[in-house]
Amino acid sequence: MDIKGKRIYETLKKMNYIRLSTTEGEKDGAKVITDEIKSIGLEPSFEEFKVPCYEIVNVKLEITAPKYMLIEAKGYGYSGNGAKDGIEADFAYIESAEDIDLIGVEGKIVMVSSLGYEVYERLAKAKVAGFIAPSGDYFDNPKNTDLDERMLRKGHIDYGQIPGVCIRMKDAVKILKTEPEKARITLEQKEEEGDSGNILAQIKGTKYPEEVIVYTAHYDSVVFSKGMYDNASGSAMLLELLRYFKQNPPLRTVRFIWCGSEERGLFGSKNYVKSHEEELKDIKLCINVDLAGPVIGRDTAIVIAEDKLCHMIEYMYKEIGHPMSLRHDIYSSDCIPFADKGIPAVNFVRYGAPGAISCHSRNDVLEPISAKSLESTTRFIAQFSNRIVNAYMFPVERTIPEELVGKIDKYLRKKQLKAD
């Protein structure tokens, strides 16, 4: 089997820079992929779409009473400009967002330990004036770690925009020890739209061209991060699989999609299923690759399909001697919009052992990744693909168990959106 780990690794090195959604870095990443597709002898297409983006112009967090403190802070993207000229209010620390925690917080600036959709909804209904969210670890060294840059998602701002900032966990502890009474948030930002896009390449099936297997991986990264593990690795592996099918024509059509702006909320895959709604009926399976390559780690298949596919993968990895783990569950990546449309999916992931690799930070770098590890995982995906793509009769039913459908609906907040 002509799968070359060194070739995958060399492609990975070409993407060794920050590829944040809508920035030049993401565009450069798209060019690397496009050029590689052309070198394989195929003509890629690029489908552009708009993505909300923001630029923090000014941010400041001050504790104004009883003792003045100026705290390092990052503004929350999409939390508006309501604090452009500064908001000073009484301070409150909320341990949770239960009803008992929210008594008397109207008009106050609150510190919260987490900011999920439900917590944000409760804060909005309680009419707080602003929020402070700690991040990271108390023991983080500021010289070696970045203060998170966070943003609100649509699921948050459906309830309105509350000015918010992110601070280090150590500063959060420091603030609370002073028993603060008042705080002041200043936050100004530009909220607009930027350009992102999906890159597509396809090889038509020689016998069943109307039956399609989709391969997905996202090529963008988060702020601060070169995203070698998450997910330049998956993008490079897809290129190797595309090369394999070019040399070994498949019986069924294989369609490769490198998704843009996944880290901002699955925008690439969501845009694809929306733009190609009529074609979705032909897609038999989505194979997603997100997180791969660490030297020390464990391959895992996460299956969003009937349990028979779990059994098939288990039998296969035992048969060929490829150690890995298996989960029958959903996975937060570009597979979700496809699964939401009833398309079965399998995610191939190589989880790094604790401390062996980093994700969503400046430490997501090339060094903990090896060509050997990339090749091993890619070989397994190629062998699995051969059995699926070239099957005498397609073996995976186009159905998703109700339990997983419920988890997808919860992930996408469908019931909540209907209620709203």
Protein backbone atom coordinates (compact mmCIF):
# COMPACT_ATOMS: atom_id res chain seq x y z
CA MET A 1 0.00 0.00 0.00
CA ASP A 2 1.55 3.27 -1.14
CA ILE A 3 1.03 5.34 2.02
CA LYS A 4 4.10 7.38 2.95
CA GLY A 5 4.40 8.89 6.41
CA LYS A 6 7.36 11.04 5.39
CA ARG A 7 5.28 12.60 2.63
CA ILE A 8 2.46 13.37 5.08
CA TYR A 9 4.98 14.86 7.51
CA GLU A 10 6.51 17.06 4.80
CA THR A 11 3.05 18.40 3.96
CA LEU A 12 2.48 19.06 7.65
CA LYS A 13 5.64 21.16 7.79
CA LYS A 14 4.31 23.36 4.99
CA MET A 15 1.38 24.35 7.23
CA ASN A 16 3.47 25.15 10.30
CA TYR A 17 1.93 28.55 11.13
CA ILE A 18 -1.22 30.01 12.67
CA ARG A 19 -4.24 29.52 10.40
CA LEU A 20 -6.94 31.44 12.25
CA SER A 21 -10.33 31.67 10.53
CA THR A 22 -10.65 34.49 7.94
CA THR A 23 -6.98 35.51 8.25
CA GLU A 24 -4.13 35.34 5.74
CA GLY A 25 -2.86 32.29 7.62
CA GLU A 26 -6.01 30.34 6.82
CA LYS A 27 -5.75 31.44 3.19
CA ASP A 28 -2.11 30.28 3.08
CA GLY A 29 -3.17 26.92 4.49
CA ALA A 30 -5.80 26.61 1.76
CA LYS A 31 -3.14 27.33 -0.87
CA VAL A 32 -0.89 24.57 0.45
CA ILE A 33 -3.76 22.08 0.17
CA THR A 34 -4.79 23.36 -3.26
CA ASP A 35 -1.23 23.09 -4.60
CA GLU A 36 -0.88 19.57 -3.23
CA ILE A 37 -4.13 18.48 -4.89
CA LYS A 38 -2.87 19.84 -8.22
CA SER A 39 0.42 18.00 -7.78
CA ILE A 40 -1.58 14.78 -7.44
CA GLY A 41 -3.11 15.48 -10.84
CA LEU A 42 -6.55 16.69 -9.82
CA GLU A 43 -8.25 20.06 -10.10
CA PRO A 44 -9.60 21.31 -6.75
CA SER A 45 -12.54 23.66 -6.32
CA PHE A 46 -12.90 26.33 -3.67
CA GLU A 47 -16.26 27.24 -2.15
CA GLU A 48 -16.11 30.56 -0.34
CA PHE A 49 -18.43 31.57 2.47
CA LYS A 50 -18.70 34.36 5.01
CA VAL A 51 -17.83 33.93 8.67
CA PRO A 52 -18.48 36.35 11.52
CA CYS A 53 -15.20 37.78 12.79
CA TYR A 54 -14.17 40.39 15.33
CA GLU A 55 -11.27 42.60 16.33
CA ILE A 56 -10.82 43.74 19.91
CA VAL A 57 -9.90 47.44 19.76
CA ASN A 58 -9.71 48.20 23.46
CA VAL A 59 -10.18 46.17 26.63
CA LYS A 60 -9.56 46.87 30.29
CA LEU A 61 -10.62 45.26 33.56
CA GLU A 62 -10.32 47.26 36.76
CA ILE A 63 -11.28 46.43 40.32
CA THR A 64 -12.19 49.86 41.66
CA ALA A 65 -13.17 49.20 45.29
CA PRO A 66 -12.20 48.72 47.99
CA LYS A 67 -8.70 48.46 46.50
CA TYR A 68 -7.78 49.48 42.96
CA MET A 69 -6.38 46.73 40.73
CA LEU A 70 -5.70 46.70 36.98
CA ILE A 71 -6.00 43.12 35.70
CA GLU A 72 -4.67 41.65 32.45
CA ALA A 73 -7.72 40.77 30.36
CA LYS A 74 -8.86 39.72 26.89
CA GLY A 75 -12.20 40.83 25.53
CA TYR A 76 -14.81 38.25 24.61
CA GLY A 77 -15.49 38.33 20.88
CA TYR A 78 -19.06 39.20 19.86
CA SER A 79 -19.92 40.43 23.35
CA GLY A 80 -20.69 43.84 21.89
CA ASN A 81 -19.66 47.42 22.53
CA GLY A 82 -21.91 48.13 25.46
CA ALA A 83 -18.83 48.81 27.57
CA LYS A 84 -17.03 50.97 25.01
CA ASP A 85 -16.93 53.93 27.40
CA GLY A 86 -16.58 51.70 30.46
CA ILE A 87 -19.15 50.11 32.75
CA GLU A 88 -18.62 50.35 36.50
CA ALA A 89 -20.88 48.28 38.72
CA ASP A 90 -21.04 46.29 41.93
CA PHE A 91 -19.08 43.03 41.78
CA ALA A 92 -20.44 39.56 42.51
CA TYR A 93 -18.86 36.11 42.35
CA ILE A 94 -21.22 33.38 41.15
CA GLU A 95 -20.16 29.87 42.10
CA SER A 96 -22.78 28.39 39.80
CA ALA A 97 -25.73 29.76 37.84
CA GLU A 98 -28.47 28.20 39.93
CA ASP A 99 -31.39 30.34 41.02
CA ILE A 100 -29.91 30.81 44.48
CA ASP A 101 -26.67 32.18 42.98
CA LEU A 102 -28.49 34.75 40.85
CA ILE A 103 -30.48 36.52 43.55
CA GLY A 104 -29.63 40.20 43.52
CA VAL A 105 -27.14 40.14 40.61
CA GLU A 106 -29.11 42.44 38.29
CA GLY A 107 -26.91 45.31 37.15
CA LYS A 108 -23.74 43.78 38.57
CA ILE A 109 -20.49 42.64 36.99
CA VAL A 110 -20.21 38.94 37.82
CA MET A 111 -17.36 36.47 37.82
CA VAL A 112 -18.36 32.99 36.67
CA SER A 113 -16.31 29.81 36.60
CA SER A 114 -17.78 28.57 33.32
CA LEU A 115 -19.80 30.07 30.48
CA GLY A 116 -21.82 27.43 28.70
CA TYR A 117 -25.00 28.29 26.83
CA GLU A 118 -27.27 27.60 29.78
CA VAL A 119 -25.14 29.69 32.15
CA TYR A 120 -25.08 32.58 29.69
CA GLU A 121 -28.84 32.37 29.22
CA ARG A 122 -29.32 32.60 32.97
CA LEU A 123 -26.97 35.57 33.21
CA ALA A 124 -28.86 37.35 30.44
CA LYS A 125 -32.23 36.71 32.09
CA ALA A 126 -30.79 37.90 35.41
CA LYS A 127 -29.78 41.14 33.61
CA VAL A 128 -26.16 41.26 34.72
CA ALA A 129 -24.14 44.25 33.47
CA GLY A 130 -21.04 42.29 32.48
CA PHE A 131 -19.10 39.10 33.14
CA ILE A 132 -15.56 38.00 33.98
CA ALA A 133 -14.51 34.45 33.06
CA PRO A 134 -11.27 32.87 34.38
CA SER A 135 -9.26 30.55 32.14
CA GLY A 136 -6.28 28.28 32.30
CA ASP A 137 -4.56 26.84 35.35
CA TYR A 138 -3.63 28.58 38.59
CA PHE A 139 -0.05 27.36 38.13
CA ASP A 140 0.35 28.60 34.53
CA ASN A 141 3.50 30.62 33.92
CA PRO A 142 2.50 33.79 31.99
CA LYS A 143 5.86 33.71 30.20
CA ASN A 144 5.04 30.32 28.69
CA THR A 145 1.27 30.47 28.28
CA ASP A 146 -1.17 32.75 26.52
CA LEU A 147 -4.27 34.22 28.08
CA ASP A 148 -7.17 32.64 26.24
CA GLU A 149 -8.89 34.67 23.57
CA ARG A 150 -12.51 33.62 23.69
CA MET A 151 -15.68 34.48 21.88
CA LEU A 152 -19.41 34.06 22.23
CA ARG A 153 -21.18 31.78 19.78
CA LYS A 154 -24.56 32.33 18.19
CA GLY A 155 -26.10 30.17 20.90
CA HIS A 156 -24.93 32.73 23.44
CA ILE A 157 -25.86 35.96 21.71
CA ASP A 158 -29.33 34.71 20.86
CA TYR A 159 -30.02 35.95 24.39
CA GLY A 160 -28.34 39.31 23.80
CA GLN A 161 -24.83 40.62 24.16
CA ILE A 162 -23.30 41.00 27.62
CA PRO A 163 -19.88 42.70 27.72
CA GLY A 164 -17.34 40.18 28.96
CA VAL A 165 -13.63 39.61 29.54
CA CYS A 166 -11.38 36.62 30.08
CA ILE A 167 -8.64 36.64 32.75
CA ARG A 168 -6.05 34.21 34.10
CA MET A 169 -7.12 31.83 36.84
CA LYS A 170 -4.37 33.13 39.12
CA ASP A 171 -5.71 36.67 38.75
CA ALA A 172 -9.25 35.43 39.48
CA VAL A 173 -8.06 33.99 42.80
CA LYS A 174 -6.13 37.18 43.53
CA ILE A 175 -9.24 39.30 42.90
CA LEU A 176 -11.52 37.21 45.09
CA LYS A 177 -9.04 37.26 47.97
CA THR A 178 -9.39 41.07 48.11
CA GLU A 179 -13.17 40.74 48.56
CA PRO A 180 -13.93 43.19 45.74
CA GLU A 181 -16.95 45.47 45.87
CA LYS A 182 -16.87 47.22 42.48
CA ALA A 183 -15.41 46.50 39.04
CA ARG A 184 -15.13 48.34 35.75
CA ILE A 185 -15.10 46.76 32.28
CA THR A 186 -14.06 48.68 29.20
CA LEU A 187 -14.55 46.86 25.92
CA GLU A 188 -14.59 48.09 22.33
CA GLN A 189 -14.54 45.79 19.31
CA LYS A 190 -15.27 45.65 15.61
CA GLU A 191 -17.72 42.93 14.64
CA GLU A 192 -17.93 42.13 10.94
CA GLU A 193 -17.71 39.28 8.43
CA GLY A 194 -14.65 37.74 6.81
CA ASP A 195 -13.94 35.25 4.02
CA SER A 196 -13.28 31.57 4.56
CA GLY A 197 -13.80 28.54 2.37
CA ASN A 198 -13.89 24.80 1.75
CA ILE A 199 -11.52 23.04 -0.64
CA LEU A 200 -12.99 20.12 -2.59
CA ALA A 201 -11.52 17.32 -4.68
CA GLN A 202 -13.27 14.26 -6.02
CA ILE A 203 -12.54 10.94 -7.72
CA LYS A 204 -15.54 9.36 -9.40
CA GLY A 205 -16.35 5.76 -8.74
CA THR A 206 -15.70 3.32 -11.56
CA LYS A 207 -18.74 1.16 -10.85
CA TYR A 208 -21.07 3.05 -8.48
CA PRO A 209 -20.36 6.74 -9.14
CA GLU A 210 -23.73 7.76 -7.70
CA GLU A 211 -22.74 6.43 -4.26
CA VAL A 212 -20.47 8.88 -2.41
CA ILE A 213 -18.17 8.59 0.61
CA VAL A 214 -17.13 11.96 1.99
CA TYR A 215 -13.81 12.58 3.74
CA THR A 216 -13.50 15.68 5.92
CA ALA A 217 -10.81 17.46 7.91
CA HIS A 218 -10.50 21.10 8.95
CA TYR A 219 -7.41 23.11 8.11
CA ASP A 220 -7.87 26.19 10.31
CA SER A 221 -6.37 26.60 13.76
CA VAL A 222 -7.16 28.63 16.87
CA VAL A 223 -5.49 31.87 17.90
CA PHE A 224 -1.85 31.46 19.09
CA SER A 225 -1.73 27.92 17.70
CA LYS A 226 0.08 26.50 14.68
CA GLY A 227 -2.36 23.60 14.95
CA MET A 228 -0.08 20.79 13.85
CA TYR A 229 -2.09 18.28 15.89
CA ASP A 230 -5.38 20.14 15.50
CA ASN A 231 -5.69 19.78 12.59
CA ALA A 232 -2.98 20.18 9.98
CA SER A 233 -2.33 16.50 10.67
CA GLY A 234 -5.80 15.45 9.49
CA SER A 235 -5.57 17.75 6.47
CA ALA A 236 -2.23 16.23 5.41
CA MET A 237 -3.57 12.70 5.91
CA LEU A 238 -6.54 13.43 3.65
CA LEU A 239 -4.13 14.49 0.92
CA GLU A 240 -2.35 11.15 1.24
CA LEU A 241 -5.66 9.28 1.03
CA LEU A 242 -6.61 11.32 -2.04
CA ARG A 243 -3.29 10.35 -3.64
CA TYR A 244 -3.96 6.71 -2.79
CA PHE A 245 -7.36 6.72 -4.50
CA LYS A 246 -5.94 8.53 -7.52
CA GLN A 247 -3.52 5.61 -7.92
CA ASN A 248 -6.17 3.03 -7.01
CA PRO A 249 -9.47 4.09 -8.62
CA PRO A 250 -12.38 3.35 -6.26
CA LEU A 251 -15.63 1.61 -7.13
CA ARG A 252 -17.60 4.38 -5.40
CA THR A 253 -17.05 8.11 -5.60
CA VAL A 254 -14.77 9.56 -2.94
CA ARG A 255 -15.18 13.26 -2.20
CA PHE A 256 -12.63 15.11 -0.07
CA ILE A 257 -13.54 18.30 1.77
CA TRP A 258 -10.98 20.39 3.64
CA CYS A 259 -13.21 22.54 5.83
CA GLY A 260 -12.47 26.12 6.77
CA SER A 261 -13.38 27.81 10.07
CA GLU A 262 -14.18 24.65 12.03
CA GLU A 263 -12.76 26.19 15.18
CA ARG A 264 -15.23 29.07 14.97
CA GLY A 265 -18.22 26.72 15.10
CA LEU A 266 -18.07 24.11 12.28
CA PHE A 267 -18.72 26.80 9.68
CA GLY A 268 -17.12 24.90 6.79
CA SER A 269 -19.06 21.67 7.19
CA LYS A 270 -22.27 23.52 8.03
CA ASN A 271 -21.88 25.59 4.88
CA TYR A 272 -21.24 22.47 2.80
CA VAL A 273 -24.39 20.62 3.87
CA LYS A 274 -26.43 23.79 3.42
CA SER A 275 -25.05 24.50 -0.07
CA HIS A 276 -25.28 20.89 -1.27
CA GLU A 277 -28.57 19.84 0.26
CA GLU A 278 -29.82 18.11 -2.90
CA GLU A 279 -26.66 15.99 -3.11
CA LEU A 280 -26.74 14.76 0.48
CA LYS A 281 -29.01 11.83 -0.40
CA ASP A 282 -26.12 10.27 -2.35
CA ILE A 283 -23.65 10.37 0.56
CA LYS A 284 -23.38 6.99 2.25
CA LEU A 285 -20.80 7.79 4.91
CA CYS A 286 -18.68 10.63 6.29
CA ILE A 287 -15.12 9.79 7.37
CA ASN A 288 -13.65 12.60 9.46
CA VAL A 289 -10.03 12.95 10.60
CA ASP A 290 -9.36 15.41 13.42
CA LEU A 291 -6.33 15.16 15.76
CA ALA A 292 -3.58 12.81 14.61
CA GLY A 293 0.12 12.12 14.70
CA PRO A 294 1.38 12.18 18.30
CA VAL A 295 4.22 9.74 18.96
CA ILE A 296 2.73 8.81 22.33
CA GLY A 297 -1.00 8.25 22.06
CA ARG A 298 -3.84 5.93 21.10
CA ASP A 299 -5.81 5.63 17.87
CA THR A 300 -9.55 5.81 18.43
CA ALA A 301 -12.54 5.37 16.14
CA ILE A 302 -15.66 7.27 17.23
CA VAL A 303 -18.69 5.93 15.40
CA ILE A 304 -21.91 7.84 14.72
CA ALA A 305 -23.75 5.01 13.00
CA GLU A 306 -25.40 1.67 13.67
CA ASP A 307 -23.49 -0.56 16.09
CA LYS A 308 -22.71 -2.97 13.24
CA LEU A 309 -20.08 -0.49 12.04
CA CYS A 310 -18.49 -0.59 15.50
CA HIS A 311 -18.29 -4.37 15.25
CA MET A 312 -16.82 -4.17 11.76
CA ILE A 313 -14.06 -1.81 12.86
CA GLU A 314 -13.33 -3.87 15.97
CA TYR A 315 -13.05 -7.09 13.97
CA MET A 316 -10.83 -5.35 11.45
CA TYR A 317 -8.31 -3.80 13.84
CA LYS A 318 -8.03 -7.13 15.66
CA GLU A 319 -7.65 -9.01 12.38
CA ILE A 320 -4.83 -6.83 11.03
CA GLY A 321 -3.20 -6.14 14.39
CA HIS A 322 -3.72 -2.38 14.70
CA PRO A 323 -4.16 -1.50 18.40
CA MET A 324 -6.86 1.09 18.91
CA SER A 325 -9.93 2.01 20.94
CA LEU A 326 -13.54 2.36 19.89
CA ARG A 327 -16.44 4.55 21.01
CA HIS A 328 -20.07 4.61 19.92
CA ASP A 329 -20.70 8.31 20.43
CA ILE A 330 -20.79 11.75 18.82
CA TYR A 331 -17.65 13.82 18.28
CA SER A 332 -17.36 17.60 18.17
CA SER A 333 -16.01 18.10 14.66
CA ASP A 334 -17.03 18.42 11.02
CA CYS A 335 -18.87 15.10 11.11
CA ILE A 336 -21.72 16.65 13.11
CA PRO A 337 -23.48 18.60 10.30
CA PHE A 338 -23.46 15.45 8.16
CA ALA A 339 -24.75 13.25 10.98
CA ASP A 340 -27.44 15.85 11.63
CA LYS A 341 -28.67 15.17 8.10
CA GLY A 342 -28.86 11.45 8.77
CA ILE A 343 -25.49 10.57 7.21
CA PRO A 344 -23.55 7.98 9.25
CA ALA A 345 -20.05 9.03 10.25
CA VAL A 346 -16.86 7.64 11.69
CA ASN A 347 -14.14 9.82 13.19
CA PHE A 348 -10.54 8.67 13.25
CA VAL A 349 -8.60 10.33 16.05
CA ARG A 350 -5.25 9.71 17.71
CA TYR A 351 -5.51 11.04 21.23
CA GLY A 352 -2.19 12.07 22.71
CA ALA A 353 -1.36 10.71 26.15
CA PRO A 354 -1.60 13.31 28.95
CA GLY A 355 1.38 15.63 28.64
CA ALA A 356 2.47 14.15 25.28
CA ILE A 357 0.95 16.81 23.04
CA SER A 358 -1.01 20.03 23.36
CA CYS A 359 -4.20 21.27 21.74
CA HIS A 360 -5.66 24.77 21.40
CA SER A 361 -2.51 26.48 22.62
CA ARG A 362 0.83 27.84 21.44
CA ASN A 363 2.24 24.39 22.31
CA ASP A 364 0.39 22.62 19.49
CA VAL A 365 3.64 22.20 17.56
CA LEU A 366 5.30 19.78 15.17
CA GLU A 367 7.86 18.15 17.45
CA PRO A 368 5.62 15.62 19.33
CA ILE A 369 4.33 14.30 15.97
CA SER A 370 6.11 11.66 13.89
CA ALA A 371 5.94 10.46 10.30
CA LYS A 372 5.65 6.88 11.57
CA SER A 373 2.58 7.67 13.66
CA LEU A 374 0.92 9.58 10.80
CA GLU A 375 1.57 6.69 8.43
CA SER A 376 0.21 4.07 10.82
CA THR A 377 -3.13 5.83 11.29
CA THR A 378 -3.44 6.70 7.61
CA ARG A 379 -2.77 3.09 6.62
CA PHE A 380 -5.56 1.89 8.85
CA ILE A 381 -7.99 4.46 7.40
CA ALA A 382 -6.96 3.42 3.88
CA GLN A 383 -7.53 -0.26 4.67
CA PHE A 384 -10.89 0.50 6.25
CA SER A 385 -11.77 2.67 3.25
CA ASN A 386 -10.94 -0.11 0.81
CA ARG A 387 -13.46 -2.39 2.47
CA ILE A 388 -16.16 0.27 2.55
CA VAL A 389 -15.58 2.09 -0.74
CA ASN A 390 -15.01 -1.07 -2.76
CA ALA A 391 -17.57 -3.29 -1.06
CA TYR A 392 -19.67 -5.60 -3.27
CA MET A 393 -22.72 -4.14 -1.50
CA PHE A 394 -22.40 -1.05 0.67
CA PRO A 395 -22.37 -2.45 4.21
CA VAL A 396 -23.35 0.58 6.31
CA GLU A 397 -27.04 1.34 6.70
CA ARG A 398 -27.99 4.99 6.34
CA THR A 399 -29.30 5.22 9.85
CA ILE A 400 -28.19 6.67 13.17
CA PRO A 401 -29.37 5.27 16.54
CA GLU A 402 -31.92 7.41 18.36
CA GLU A 403 -29.63 7.83 21.36
CA LEU A 404 -26.99 9.45 19.16
CA VAL A 405 -29.59 11.55 17.34
CA GLY A 406 -30.59 12.89 20.74
CA LYS A 407 -26.99 13.77 21.55
CA ILE A 408 -26.59 15.54 18.20
CA ASP A 409 -29.77 17.52 18.80
CA LYS A 410 -28.50 18.50 22.24
CA TYR A 411 -25.10 19.46 20.83
CA LEU A 412 -26.78 21.66 18.21
CA ARG A 413 -29.24 22.97 20.82
CA LYS A 414 -32.23 22.11 18.63
CA LYS A 415 -34.79 21.83 21.40
CA GLN A 416 -33.53 25.00 23.01
CA LEU A 417 -33.75 26.91 19.73
CA LYS A 418 -37.31 25.67 19.15
CA ALA A 419 -38.26 26.77 22.65
CA ASP A 420 -36.79 30.20 22.05
